[in-house]
C-alpha atoms as a PDB file:
ATOM      1  CA  MET A   1     -65.172  36.982  27.873  1.00  0.00           C
ATOM      2  CA  GLU A   2     -64.647  33.613  29.536  1.00  0.00           C
ATOM      3  CA  ILE A   3     -63.399  31.926  26.260  1.00  0.00           C
ATOM      4  CA  LYS A   4     -60.794  35.148  25.136  1.00  0.00           C
ATOM      5  CA  ILE A   5     -59.485  34.153  28.367  1.00  0.00           C
ATOM      6  CA  HIS A   6     -58.756  30.942  27.957  1.00  0.00           C
ATOM      7  CA  LYS A   7     -57.194  31.188  24.692  1.00  0.00           C
ATOM      8  CA  LEU A   8     -54.753  34.097  26.107  1.00  0.00           C
ATOM      9  CA  LEU A   9     -53.867  31.551  28.753  1.00  0.00           C
ATOM     10  CA  TYR A  10     -52.908  29.079  26.301  1.00  0.00           C
ATOM     11  CA  LEU A  11     -51.165  31.440  24.156  1.00  0.00           C
ATOM     12  CA  SER A  12     -49.221  32.691  26.864  1.00  0.00           C
ATOM     13  CA  VAL A  13     -48.433  28.893  28.055  1.00  0.00           C
ATOM     14  CA  LEU A  14     -46.684  28.047  24.856  1.00  0.00           C
ATOM     15  CA  MET A  15     -44.795  31.255  24.471  1.00  0.00           C
ATOM     16  CA  PHE A  16     -43.210  30.877  27.977  1.00  0.00           C
ATOM     17  CA  LEU A  17     -42.846  26.787  26.850  1.00  0.00           C
ATOM     18  CA  SER A  18     -41.096  28.295  24.003  1.00  0.00           C
ATOM     19  CA  GLY A  19     -38.533  30.785  25.892  1.00  0.00           C
ATOM     20  CA  CYS A  20     -37.842  28.123  28.862  1.00  0.00           C
ATOM     21  CA  ASN A  21     -36.664  24.787  26.217  1.00  0.00           C
ATOM     22  CA  SER A  22     -35.924  26.622  22.737  1.00  0.00           C
ATOM     23  CA  ASP A  23     -34.009  23.064  21.550  1.00  0.00           C
ATOM     24  CA  ILE A  24     -37.813  21.431  21.664  1.00  0.00           C
ATOM     25  CA  PHE A  25     -38.458  22.728  18.134  1.00  0.00           C
ATOM     26  CA  ILE A  26     -35.665  21.182  16.171  1.00  0.00           C
ATOM     27  CA  GLU A  27     -34.262  23.441  13.095  1.00  0.00           C
ATOM     28  CA  ASP A  28     -32.104  22.436  10.423  1.00  0.00           C
ATOM     29  CA  PHE A  29     -28.005  23.653  11.415  1.00  0.00           C
ATOM     30  CA  LEU A  30     -27.092  22.854   7.961  1.00  0.00           C
ATOM     31  CA  PRO A  31     -28.128  24.401   4.560  1.00  0.00           C
ATOM     32  CA  GLY A  32     -29.032  21.243   3.295  1.00  0.00           C
ATOM     33  CA  GLU A  33     -30.319  17.112   4.729  1.00  0.00           C
ATOM     34  CA  GLN A  34     -26.711  16.037   3.349  1.00  0.00           C
ATOM     35  CA  MET A  35     -24.122  17.964   2.003  1.00  0.00           C
ATOM     36  CA  ASP A  36     -21.168  16.348  -0.201  1.00  0.00           C
ATOM     37  CA  VAL A  37     -18.020  18.323  -0.284  1.00  0.00           C
ATOM     38  CA  ALA A  38     -14.715  17.386  -1.975  1.00  0.00           C
ATOM     39  CA  ILE A  39     -11.295  18.028  -1.433  1.00  0.00           C
ATOM     40  CA  SER A  40      -8.250  17.974  -3.117  1.00  0.00           C
ATOM     41  CA  GLU A  41      -4.619  18.070  -3.223  1.00  0.00           C
ATOM     42  CA  THR A  42      -4.756  22.062  -5.303  1.00  0.00           C
ATOM     43  CA  ASP A  43      -8.033  22.732  -3.398  1.00  0.00           C
ATOM     44  CA  ASN A  44      -7.135  20.984   0.050  1.00  0.00           C
ATOM     45  CA  THR A  45      -9.222  23.612   2.516  1.00  0.00           C
ATOM     46  CA  LYS A  46     -13.075  23.619   2.332  1.00  0.00           C
ATOM     47  CA  GLU A  47     -15.314  25.073   4.801  1.00  0.00           C
ATOM     48  CA  ILE A  48     -19.309  24.890   5.707  1.00  0.00           C
ATOM     49  CA  ASN A  49     -21.169  27.531   6.941  1.00  0.00           C
ATOM     50  CA  PHE A  50     -23.910  26.395   9.470  1.00  0.00           C
ATOM     51  CA  LYS A  51     -27.208  28.141   9.902  1.00  0.00           C
ATOM     52  CA  SER A  52     -27.182  27.652  13.599  1.00  0.00           C
ATOM     53  CA  ASP A  53     -24.970  27.051  16.642  1.00  0.00           C
ATOM     54  CA  ASN A  54     -26.953  24.088  17.984  1.00  0.00           C
ATOM     55  CA  TRP A  55     -24.747  21.207  17.328  1.00  0.00           C
ATOM     56  CA  ARG A  56     -21.864  19.173  17.934  1.00  0.00           C
ATOM     57  CA  LEU A  57     -19.609  17.071  15.840  1.00  0.00           C
ATOM     58  CA  LEU A  58     -20.817  13.593  16.688  1.00  0.00           C
ATOM     59  CA  GLU A  59     -18.666  10.999  14.309  1.00  0.00           C
ATOM     60  CA  ILE A  60     -16.230  10.337  11.426  1.00  0.00           C
ATOM     61  CA  VAL A  61     -16.587   7.184   9.483  1.00  0.00           C
ATOM     62  CA  SER A  62     -14.553   6.033   6.769  1.00  0.00           C
ATOM     63  CA  PHE A  63     -15.714   3.612   4.029  1.00  0.00           C
ATOM     64  CA  MET A  64     -11.807   2.513   3.231  1.00  0.00           C
ATOM     65  CA  GLY A  65     -10.625  -0.523   4.336  1.00  0.00           C
ATOM     66  CA  ASP A  66      -7.852   0.591   6.586  1.00  0.00           C
ATOM     67  CA  SER A  67      -9.167   2.206   9.533  1.00  0.00           C
ATOM     68  CA  PHE A  68      -7.080   5.668  10.944  1.00  0.00           C
ATOM     69  CA  THR A  69      -6.602   7.078  14.162  1.00  0.00           C
ATOM     70  CA  ILE A  70      -8.240  10.080  15.705  1.00  0.00           C
ATOM     71  CA  GLU A  71      -6.469  12.862  17.481  1.00  0.00           C
ATOM     72  CA  SER A  72      -9.005  15.734  19.173  1.00  0.00           C
ATOM     73  CA  TYR A  73      -7.517  18.597  20.872  1.00  0.00           C
ATOM     74  CA  THR A  74      -8.990  22.317  21.481  1.00  0.00           C
ATOM     75  CA  LEU A  75      -8.003  25.090  19.229  1.00  0.00           C
ATOM     76  CA  ASP A  76      -4.824  26.178  21.643  1.00  0.00           C
ATOM     77  CA  GLY A  77      -3.799  22.326  21.177  1.00  0.00           C
ATOM     78  CA  GLN A  78      -5.235  20.764  24.821  1.00  0.00           C
ATOM     79  CA  PRO A  79      -6.074  17.239  24.229  1.00  0.00           C
ATOM     80  CA  VAL A  80     -10.294  16.650  24.301  1.00  0.00           C
ATOM     81  CA  SER A  81     -12.395  13.773  24.499  1.00  0.00           C
ATOM     82  CA  PHE A  82     -14.299  13.040  21.119  1.00  0.00           C
ATOM     83  CA  PRO A  83     -17.294  13.439  20.657  1.00  0.00           C
ATOM     84  CA  PHE A  84     -16.969  16.820  22.389  1.00  0.00           C
ATOM     85  CA  GLY A  85     -19.650  18.670  23.609  1.00  0.00           C
ATOM     86  CA  GLU A  86     -22.359  21.374  21.424  1.00  0.00           C
ATOM     87  CA  LYS A  87     -20.772  24.836  21.113  1.00  0.00           C
ATOM     88  CA  GLU A  88     -17.533  23.601  21.648  1.00  0.00           C
ATOM     89  CA  PRO A  89     -14.625  24.374  19.221  1.00  0.00           C
ATOM     90  CA  ALA A  90     -12.182  21.974  18.973  1.00  0.00           C
ATOM     91  CA  ILE A  91     -10.087  20.161  15.623  1.00  0.00           C
ATOM     92  CA  VAL A  92     -10.211  16.461  14.801  1.00  0.00           C
ATOM     93  CA  HIS A  93      -7.314  15.191  13.631  1.00  0.00           C
ATOM     94  CA  CYS A  94      -7.703  11.849  11.265  1.00  0.00           C
ATOM     95  CA  LEU A  95      -4.383   9.779  10.621  1.00  0.00           C
ATOM     96  CA  SER A  96      -3.215   6.793   9.169  1.00  0.00           C
ATOM     97  CA  ASP A  97      -0.035   5.152   7.468  1.00  0.00           C
ATOM     98  CA  PHE A  98      -1.610   6.434   4.123  1.00  0.00           C
ATOM     99  CA  ILE A  99      -4.789   9.233   4.913  1.00  0.00           C
ATOM    100  CA  ASP A 100      -4.081  12.391   6.851  1.00  0.00           C
ATOM    101  CA  PHE A 101      -6.663  15.160   7.406  1.00  0.00           C
ATOM    102  CA  ARG A 102      -8.637  17.557   9.248  1.00  0.00           C
ATOM    103  CA  VAL A 103     -11.777  18.493  10.855  1.00  0.00           C
ATOM    104  CA  GLU A 104     -11.945  21.629  12.581  1.00  0.00           C
ATOM    105  CA  LYS A 105     -14.565  23.229  14.653  1.00  0.00           C
ATOM    106  CA  ARG A 106     -13.394  26.909  14.941  1.00  0.00           C
ATOM    107  CA  SER A 107     -16.837  28.434  15.670  1.00  0.00           C
ATOM    108  CA  GLY A 108     -20.463  27.792  16.357  1.00  0.00           C
ATOM    109  CA  HIS A 109     -21.073  28.427  12.655  1.00  0.00           C
ATOM    110  CA  LYS A 110     -18.458  26.855  10.812  1.00  0.00           C
ATOM    111  CA  LEU A 111     -16.784  23.427  10.178  1.00  0.00           C
ATOM    112  CA  GLN A 112     -13.494  23.590   7.850  1.00  0.00           C
ATOM    113  CA  PHE A 113     -11.907  20.518   6.324  1.00  0.00           C
ATOM    114  CA  THR A 114      -8.184  20.155   5.379  1.00  0.00           C
ATOM    115  CA  LEU A 115      -6.596  17.329   3.474  1.00  0.00           C
ATOM    116  CA  ASN A 116      -2.914  16.781   4.080  1.00  0.00           C
ATOM    117  CA  GLU A 117      -2.289  13.003   2.266  1.00  0.00           C
ATOM    118  CA  ASN A 118      -4.274  10.585   0.784  1.00  0.00           C
ATOM    119  CA  LEU A 119      -2.088   7.971  -0.487  1.00  0.00           C
ATOM    120  CA  MET A 120      -4.725   5.388  -1.469  1.00  0.00           C
ATOM    121  CA  ASN A 121      -4.834   4.600  -5.028  1.00  0.00           C
ATOM    122  CA  GLU A 122      -8.084   5.953  -5.071  1.00  0.00           C
ATOM    123  CA  ASP A 123     -10.490   8.312  -4.054  1.00  0.00           C
ATOM    124  CA  VAL A 124     -11.684   7.888   0.056  1.00  0.00           C
ATOM    125  CA  THR A 125     -14.891   9.101   1.082  1.00  0.00           C
ATOM    126  CA  VAL A 126     -15.527   9.790   4.792  1.00  0.00           C
ATOM    127  CA  LEU A 127     -18.684  10.289   6.453  1.00  0.00           C
ATOM    128  CA  ILE A 128     -18.972  13.264   9.131  1.00  0.00           C
ATOM    129  CA  LYS A 129     -22.050  13.027  11.516  1.00  0.00           C
ATOM    130  CA  VAL A 130     -23.143  16.136  13.321  1.00  0.00           C
ATOM    131  CA  GLY A 131     -25.970  16.933  15.236  1.00  0.00           C
ATOM    132  CA  ASN A 132     -27.676  17.712  18.282  1.00  0.00           C
ATOM    133  CA  ASP A 133     -29.873  15.638  21.301  1.00  0.00           C
ATOM    134  CA  TYR A 134     -32.948  15.934  18.896  1.00  0.00           C
ATOM    135  CA  LYS A 135     -31.564  15.488  15.239  1.00  0.00           C
ATOM    136  CA  GLU A 136     -28.324  14.395  13.232  1.00  0.00           C
ATOM    137  CA  GLN A 137     -27.191  15.051   9.618  1.00  0.00           C
ATOM    138  CA  GLN A 138     -24.600  14.037   7.280  1.00  0.00           C
ATOM    139  CA  ILE A 139     -21.675  15.220   5.357  1.00  0.00           C
ATOM    140  CA  LYS A 140     -20.179  13.256   2.540  1.00  0.00           C
ATOM    141  CA  LEU A 141     -16.613  14.465   2.449  1.00  0.00           C
ATOM    142  CA  LEU A 142     -14.688  12.949  -0.543  1.00  0.00           C
ATOM    143  CA  LEU A 143     -10.520  13.037   0.190  1.00  0.00           C
ATOM    144  CA  ALA A 144      -9.002  13.041  -3.667  1.00  0.00           C
ATOM    145  CA  GLN A 145      -5.719  11.086  -4.368  1.00  0.00           C
ATOM    146  CA  THR A 146      -2.577  13.231  -3.580  1.00  0.00           C
ATOM    147  CA  ARG A 147       0.885  13.201  -4.954  1.00  0.00           C
ATOM    148  CA  LYS A 148       3.206   9.859  -4.385  1.00  0.00           C
ATOM    149  CA  TYR A 149       6.405   9.932  -2.715  1.00  0.00           C
ATOM    150  CA  GLN A 150       9.416   9.697  -4.762  1.00  0.00           C
ATOM    151  CA  ILE A 151      12.935   7.629  -4.738  1.00  0.00           C
ATOM    152  CA  ASP A 152      15.761   9.969  -3.424  1.00  0.00           C
ATOM    153  CA  SER A 153      18.528   7.502  -3.238  1.00  0.00           C
ATOM    154  CA  VAL A 154      19.428   3.600  -2.603  1.00  0.00           C
ATOM    155  CA  VAL A 155      22.147   2.792  -0.626  1.00  0.00           C
ATOM    156  CA  TYR A 156      23.594  -1.057  -0.362  1.00  0.00           C
ATOM    157  CA  ASP A 157      25.493  -2.254   2.938  1.00  0.00           C
ATOM    158  CA  TRP A 158      28.703  -3.418   0.649  1.00  0.00           C
ATOM    159  CA  ASP A 159      30.477  -4.721   3.976  1.00  0.00           C
ATOM    160  CA  LYS A 160      27.561  -7.277   3.958  1.00  0.00           C
ATOM    161  CA  PHE A 161      27.982  -8.165   0.298  1.00  0.00           C
ATOM    162  CA  VAL A 162      27.501 -12.096   0.700  1.00  0.00           C
ATOM    163  CA  ILE A 163      28.428 -14.191  -3.013  1.00  0.00           C
ATOM    164  CA  HIS A 164      27.351 -18.055  -3.053  1.00  0.00           C
ATOM    165  CA  GLU A 165      28.584 -19.598  -6.400  1.00  0.00           C
ATOM    166  CA  GLY A 166      28.053 -23.274  -7.296  1.00  0.00           C
ATOM    167  CA  TYR A 167      24.663 -24.091  -6.563  1.00  0.00           C
ATOM    168  CA  LEU A 168      22.951 -26.109  -8.543  1.00  0.00           C
ATOM    169  CA  LYS A 169      18.660 -25.885  -9.657  1.00  0.00           C
ATOM    170  CA  GLU A 170      17.210 -28.623 -11.644  1.00  0.00           C
ATOM    171  CA  VAL A 171      15.606 -27.417 -15.268  1.00  0.00           C
ATOM    172  CA  GLU A 172      14.760 -30.081 -16.754  1.00  0.00           C
ATOM    173  CA  SER A 173      14.491 -34.151 -15.487  1.00  0.00           C
ATOM    174  CA  ILE A 174      13.531 -37.245 -17.754  1.00  0.00           C
ATOM    175  CA  THR A 175      14.193 -41.007 -17.786  1.00  0.00           C
ATOM    176  CA  ILE A 176      15.474 -42.979 -20.881  1.00  0.00           C
ATOM    177  CA  ASP A 177      14.709 -46.410 -21.185  1.00  0.00           C
ATOM    178  CA  ASN A 178      16.814 -47.533 -24.521  1.00  0.00           C
ATOM    179  CA  LYS A 179      15.610 -51.385 -24.939  1.00  0.00           C
ATOM    180  CA  SER A 180      17.014 -51.772 -28.023  1.00  0.00           C
ATOM    181  CA  ALA A 181      20.616 -52.286 -28.986  1.00  0.00           C
ATOM    182  CA  SER A 182      21.480 -49.202 -30.731  1.00  0.00           C
ATOM    183  CA  PRO A 183      22.805 -46.139 -28.825  1.00  0.00           C
ATOM    184  CA  MET A 184      20.073 -43.386 -28.708  1.00  0.00           C
ATOM    185  CA  THR A 185      20.174 -39.553 -28.470  1.00  0.00           C
ATOM    186  CA  PHE A 186      17.961 -36.710 -27.622  1.00  0.00           C
ATOM    187  CA  VAL A 187      18.305 -32.943 -27.235  1.00  0.00           C
ATOM    188  CA  VAL A 188      18.126 -31.075 -23.994  1.00  0.00           C
ATOM    189  CA  TYR A 189      18.045 -26.992 -23.883  1.00  0.00           C
ATOM    190  CA  PRO A 190      19.821 -26.026 -20.493  1.00  0.00           C
ATOM    191  CA  PHE A 191      18.917 -22.764 -20.461  1.00  0.00           C
ATOM    192  CA  ARG A 192      15.603 -22.572 -22.366  1.00  0.00           C
ATOM    193  CA  LYS A 193      13.407 -21.906 -18.920  1.00  0.00           C
ATOM    194  CA  SER A 194      16.500 -20.440 -17.259  1.00  0.00           C
ATOM    195  CA  THR A 195      15.899 -16.470 -15.713  1.00  0.00           C
ATOM    196  CA  ARG A 196      17.793 -14.381 -13.258  1.00  0.00           C
ATOM    197  CA  GLU A 197      15.402 -14.463 -10.190  1.00  0.00           C
ATOM    198  CA  ILE A 198      15.516 -11.442  -7.825  1.00  0.00           C
ATOM    199  CA  GLN A 199      13.864 -11.252  -4.440  1.00  0.00           C
ATOM    200  CA  PHE A 200      13.582  -7.946  -2.000  1.00  0.00           C
ATOM    201  CA  TYR A 201      13.133  -9.704   1.367  1.00  0.00           C
ATOM    202  CA  ASP A 202      11.992  -7.741   4.608  1.00  0.00           C
ATOM    203  CA  PRO A 203      12.092  -9.843   7.897  1.00  0.00           C
ATOM    204  CA  MET A 204       9.913  -6.901   9.539  1.00  0.00           C
ATOM    205  CA  ILE A 205       6.793  -7.076   7.160  1.00  0.00           C
ATOM    206  CA  VAL A 206       4.651  -9.240   5.437  1.00  0.00           C
ATOM    207  CA  TRP A 207       5.704  -8.031   1.524  1.00  0.00           C
ATOM    208  CA  GLU A 208       2.612  -6.500  -0.020  1.00  0.00           C
ATOM    209  CA  GLU A 209       3.236  -5.093  -3.047  1.00  0.00           C
ATOM    210  CA  GLU A 210       0.013  -2.966  -2.865  1.00  0.00           C
ATOM    211  CA  LEU A 211       1.325  -1.128   0.335  1.00  0.00           C
ATOM    212  CA  PHE A 212       4.293  -0.314  -1.959  1.00  0.00           C
ATOM    213  CA  LYS A 213       2.105   0.948  -4.875  1.00  0.00           C
ATOM    214  CA  ARG A 214       0.405   3.391  -2.111  1.00  0.00           C
ATOM    215  CA  PHE A 215       3.505   4.949  -1.416  1.00  0.00           C
ATOM    216  CA  LEU A 216       5.197   5.061  -4.845  1.00  0.00           C
ATOM    217  CA  GLY A 217       2.216   4.718  -7.632  1.00  0.00           C
ATOM    218  CA  SER A 218       0.559   1.802  -8.885  1.00  0.00           C
ATOM    219  CA  THR A 219       3.506   1.876 -11.812  1.00  0.00           C
ATOM    220  CA  LEU A 220       6.450   1.005  -9.484  1.00  0.00           C
ATOM    221  CA  PRO A 221       9.599   3.033  -9.887  1.00  0.00           C
ATOM    222  CA  GLN A 222      13.000   1.312 -11.036  1.00  0.00           C
ATOM    223  CA  ILE A 223      16.301   1.147  -9.008  1.00  0.00           C
ATOM    224  CA  ILE A 224      19.319   0.043 -10.070  1.00  0.00           C
ATOM    225  CA  ILE A 225      20.523  -3.140  -8.189  1.00  0.00           C
ATOM    226  CA  PRO A 226      24.211  -5.000  -8.351  1.00  0.00           C
ATOM    227  CA  ASP A 227      25.572  -7.085 -10.992  1.00  0.00           C
ATOM    228  CA  LEU A 228      28.574  -9.776 -10.480  1.00  0.00           C
ATOM    229  CA  VAL A 229      31.774  -9.204 -12.726  1.00  0.00           C
ATOM    230  CA  ASP A 230      34.805 -11.603 -12.089  1.00  0.00           C
ATOM    231  CA  SER A 231      32.903 -12.252  -8.541  1.00  0.00           C
ATOM    232  CA  LYS A 232      32.656  -8.354  -7.283  1.00  0.00           C
ATOM    233  CA  PRO A 233      29.389  -5.939  -7.375  1.00  0.00           C
ATOM    234  CA  VAL A 234      29.120  -3.416  -9.989  1.00  0.00           C
ATOM    235  CA  CYS A 235      26.578  -1.087 -10.630  1.00  0.00           C
ATOM    236  CA  ASN A 236      25.738  -1.218 -13.868  1.00  0.00           C
ATOM    237  CA  GLN A 237      22.430  -0.411 -15.582  1.00  0.00           C
ATOM    238  CA  THR A 238      20.183  -3.500 -14.455  1.00  0.00           C
ATOM    239  CA  LYS A 239      16.811  -2.462 -13.071  1.00  0.00           C
ATOM    240  CA  VAL A 240      14.268  -3.980 -10.786  1.00  0.00           C
ATOM    241  CA  SER A 241      10.861  -2.765  -9.971  1.00  0.00           C
ATOM    242  CA  PHE A 242      11.474  -1.668  -6.478  1.00  0.00           C
ATOM    243  CA  GLY A 243       7.890  -3.022  -4.503  1.00  0.00           C
ATOM    244  CA  SER A 244       7.833  -6.400  -6.263  1.00  0.00           C
ATOM    245  CA  ASN A 245       8.993  -8.757  -4.091  1.00  0.00           C
ATOM    246  CA  TYR A 246       9.975 -11.356  -6.527  1.00  0.00           C
ATOM    247  CA  GLN A 247      11.055 -10.686 -10.490  1.00  0.00           C
ATOM    248  CA  GLU A 248      12.565 -12.454 -12.955  1.00  0.00           C
ATOM    249  CA  LEU A 249      14.844 -11.218 -15.708  1.00  0.00           C
ATOM    250  CA  GLU A 250      16.526 -12.314 -18.994  1.00  0.00           C
ATOM    251  CA  ILE A 251      19.786 -13.741 -19.076  1.00  0.00           C
ATOM    252  CA  SER A 252      22.624 -13.755 -21.709  1.00  0.00           C
ATOM    253  CA  PHE A 253      22.575 -17.252 -22.946  1.00  0.00           C
ATOM    254  CA  ASP A 254      21.251 -18.351 -25.922  1.00  0.00           C
ATOM    255  CA  LYS A 255      17.820 -19.970 -24.389  1.00  0.00           C
ATOM    256  CA  GLU A 256      17.847 -22.434 -27.734  1.00  0.00           C
ATOM    257  CA  LEU A 257      21.234 -23.837 -26.793  1.00  0.00           C
ATOM    258  CA  SER A 258      20.871 -27.545 -27.629  1.00  0.00           C
ATOM    259  CA  VAL A 259      22.968 -30.168 -26.052  1.00  0.00           C
ATOM    260  CA  ASP A 260      22.947 -33.602 -27.577  1.00  0.00           C
ATOM    261  CA  VAL A 261      22.427 -36.572 -24.494  1.00  0.00           C
ATOM    262  CA  THR A 262      23.300 -40.146 -25.735  1.00  0.00           C
ATOM    263  CA  ILE A 263      22.168 -43.322 -23.981  1.00  0.00           C
ATOM    264  CA  ASP A 264      24.072 -46.467 -25.024  1.00  0.00           C
ATOM    265  CA  GLY A 265      21.944 -49.570 -26.142  1.00  0.00           C
ATOM    266  CA  PHE A 266      19.922 -51.354 -23.227  1.00  0.00           C
ATOM    267  CA  ASP A 267      20.643 -48.889 -20.785  1.00  0.00           C
ATOM    268  CA  LYS A 268      18.028 -47.141 -18.610  1.00  0.00           C
ATOM    269  CA  ARG A 269      19.094 -43.502 -17.072  1.00  0.00           C
ATOM    270  CA  LYS A 270      17.479 -40.564 -15.664  1.00  0.00           C
ATOM    271  CA  ILE A 271      18.715 -37.525 -17.204  1.00  0.00           C
ATOM    272  CA  SER A 272      18.841 -34.307 -15.117  1.00  0.00           C
ATOM    273  CA  VAL A 273      19.681 -31.352 -16.338  1.00  0.00           C
ATOM    274  CA  PHE A 274      20.915 -28.673 -13.560  1.00  0.00           C
ATOM    275  CA  ASN A 275      21.852 -24.725 -14.209  1.00  0.00           C
ATOM    276  CA  VAL A 276      24.993 -23.905 -11.958  1.00  0.00           C
ATOM    277  CA  LEU A 277      23.937 -20.575 -10.150  1.00  0.00           C
ATOM    278  CA  GLU A 278      25.794 -17.617  -9.045  1.00  0.00           C
ATOM    279  CA  GLU A 279      23.789 -15.724  -6.012  1.00  0.00           C
ATOM    280  CA  TYR A 280      24.446 -12.773  -3.904  1.00  0.00           C
ATOM    281  CA  SER A 281      22.449 -11.081  -1.124  1.00  0.00           C
ATOM    282  CA  VAL A 282      23.295  -7.824   0.371  1.00  0.00           C
ATOM    283  CA  PRO A 283      21.188  -5.180   2.480  1.00  0.00           C
ATOM    284  CA  TYR A 284      19.835  -2.180   1.171  1.00  0.00           C
ATOM    285  CA  LYS A 285      18.006   1.363   2.175  1.00  0.00           C
ATOM    286  CA  VAL A 286      15.615   2.847  -0.167  1.00  0.00           C
ATOM    287  CA  PHE A 287      14.913   6.610   0.825  1.00  0.00           C
ATOM    288  CA  ILE A 288      11.911   8.256  -0.097  1.00  0.00           C
ATOM    289  CA  SER A 289       9.946  11.693   0.161  1.00  0.00           C
ATOM    290  CA  ASN A 290       6.807  13.303  -0.764  1.00  0.00           C
ATOM    291  CA  PRO A 291       7.780  16.359  -2.852  1.00  0.00           C
ATOM    292  CA  LYS A 292       4.375  18.045  -1.738  1.00  0.00           C
ATOM    293  CA  THR A 293       4.459  17.417   1.844  1.00  0.00           C
ATOM    294  CA  ASP A 294       8.311  17.189   2.546  1.00  0.00           C
ATOM    295  CA  LYS A 295       7.500  13.771   4.641  1.00  0.00           C
ATOM    296  CA  LYS A 296      10.503  11.241   4.451  1.00  0.00           C
ATOM    297  CA  SER A 297      10.742   7.364   5.103  1.00  0.00           C
ATOM    298  CA  VAL A 298      13.105   4.793   4.538  1.00  0.00           C
ATOM    299  CA  PHE A 299      12.155   1.178   3.242  1.00  0.00           C
ATOM    300  CA  SER A 300      15.158  -1.598   4.083  1.00  0.00           C
ATOM    301  CA  GLY A 301      15.546  -4.988   3.856  1.00  0.00           C
ATOM    302  CA  GLU A 302      17.891  -7.389   1.881  1.00  0.00           C
ATOM    303  CA  LEU A 303      18.226  -8.295  -1.717  1.00  0.00           C
ATOM    304  CA  HIS A 304      19.023 -11.937  -3.362  1.00  0.00           C
ATOM    305  CA  SER A 305      19.908 -12.395  -6.586  1.00  0.00           C
ATOM    306  CA  SER A 306      20.359 -15.790  -8.423  1.00  0.00           C
ATOM    307  CA  ARG A 307      21.575 -16.264 -11.819  1.00  0.00           C
ATOM    308  CA  PRO A 308      22.718 -19.272 -13.958  1.00  0.00           C
ATOM    309  CA  ILE A 309      26.134 -19.047 -14.851  1.00  0.00           C
ATOM    310  CA  ASP A 310      26.613 -22.786 -16.465  1.00  0.00           C
ATOM    311  CA  TYR A 311      24.961 -25.971 -16.645  1.00  0.00           C
ATOM    312  CA  LEU A 312      25.667 -29.785 -15.547  1.00  0.00           C
ATOM    313  CA  ILE A 313      23.978 -32.998 -17.261  1.00  0.00           C
ATOM    314  CA  PHE A 314      23.410 -35.939 -14.622  1.00  0.00           C
ATOM    315  CA  LYS A 315      23.091 -39.455 -16.340  1.00  0.00           C
ATOM    316  CA  LYS A 316      21.788 -41.614 -13.283  1.00  0.00           C
ATOM    317  CA  VAL A 317      21.840 -45.379 -13.944  1.00  0.00           C
ATOM    318  CA  LEU A 318      18.106 -47.005 -13.535  1.00  0.00           C
ATOM    319  CA  ASN A 319      17.411 -50.870 -12.485  1.00  0.00           C
ATOM    320  CA  GLU A 320      14.942 -52.014 -14.318  1.00  0.00           C
ATOM    321  CA  ASP A 321      12.354 -51.732 -11.751  1.00  0.00           C
ATOM    322  CA  GLU A 322      12.793 -48.168 -11.074  1.00  0.00           C
END
C-alpha cells in the first residue's frame, strides 16, 4: 500500500511541474529541422505554417558580400526593436541598393516571405533563424534574380559642352643613327595604333562596372554619344556601352596609312610620331526605371571623348652622346 502511494505522489509531482512550465518540454515548431524556401519575381510570396507558437524571429543572415539594413515594425507600422519577443507579431524589412525583401510574422503559426527586388547577378541565399530559449531552427531562403532596370533617356547639358583641339598624343618614337653618307628612309604608320577613346567620369563615386551591371544587366545597354562635325556636337548613331568606364572605338582613318621618313647621311635623329587630337567633354544624365517595380533612378557624370584628326612627325637632332 505504501509503495502505491509513493508512485502516485511521484506521478502527481511530474504532472504539476509539466502544468507549471510547459516550455521545459521542447517541441519542434517547424515542420522540419531546416526548411528551404525559394521566392522569385513570378512567385514572390511564400508562407510557412508552424506546428506551435512558442517561437520568435531571432536573426537574418545574408551569404552575399554586400550587407543590408534591417527595419522592423509592428503590423500597424510602429517601429519595434529586432529581434522582438516570442509570440509577438511584427515585420522585418531588409534593404540595400540591390536587395529588397520582407519577413513577416503575422501570427504565432505563420511566417511569410516577400521578394521585392534582387538586382544581384546571382541568386542570393539568406538564413532565417527562429527559436525560443531552448531551441533554434533555421530556414534557408533563396532570393532569385529579378528584372533589371532599363534606360529611359539620356540628356546632355549642351550649355556646358567644351571642345579642345590641337592636343598631341605620341604614338611612336624611334631613334635613327645614320652612320653612312647616304640618306636613310624608313616607314611609320601614324594611325596603326590609334582609336577614339571614350571615358565616363563621376567625381562622386569610384567607378565600378559591376555596380552598373547589377542595375542594367551583365550585357550593358548602349547609348548614343555626340560626334563633332565642323566643331559642333551632333548625335548620329555612334554608340557605346553605358557602365563601362573606358572604351575604345575604331576611327575612320586607314590604319595602314604609311609615311616615309628620311634621315640624311651622318645624321642622328629622334623621330616622334604624334596624333593631333580633337577632344570634348559634356555633362550627362542617364534616366533609368524598373518596369516591374516602377522604381526610378538617375546616373549623372561627365563624358569625355578624344579622337585623332591628323598627325605630325618631328625629327629632333641628337648629339652623338644622346
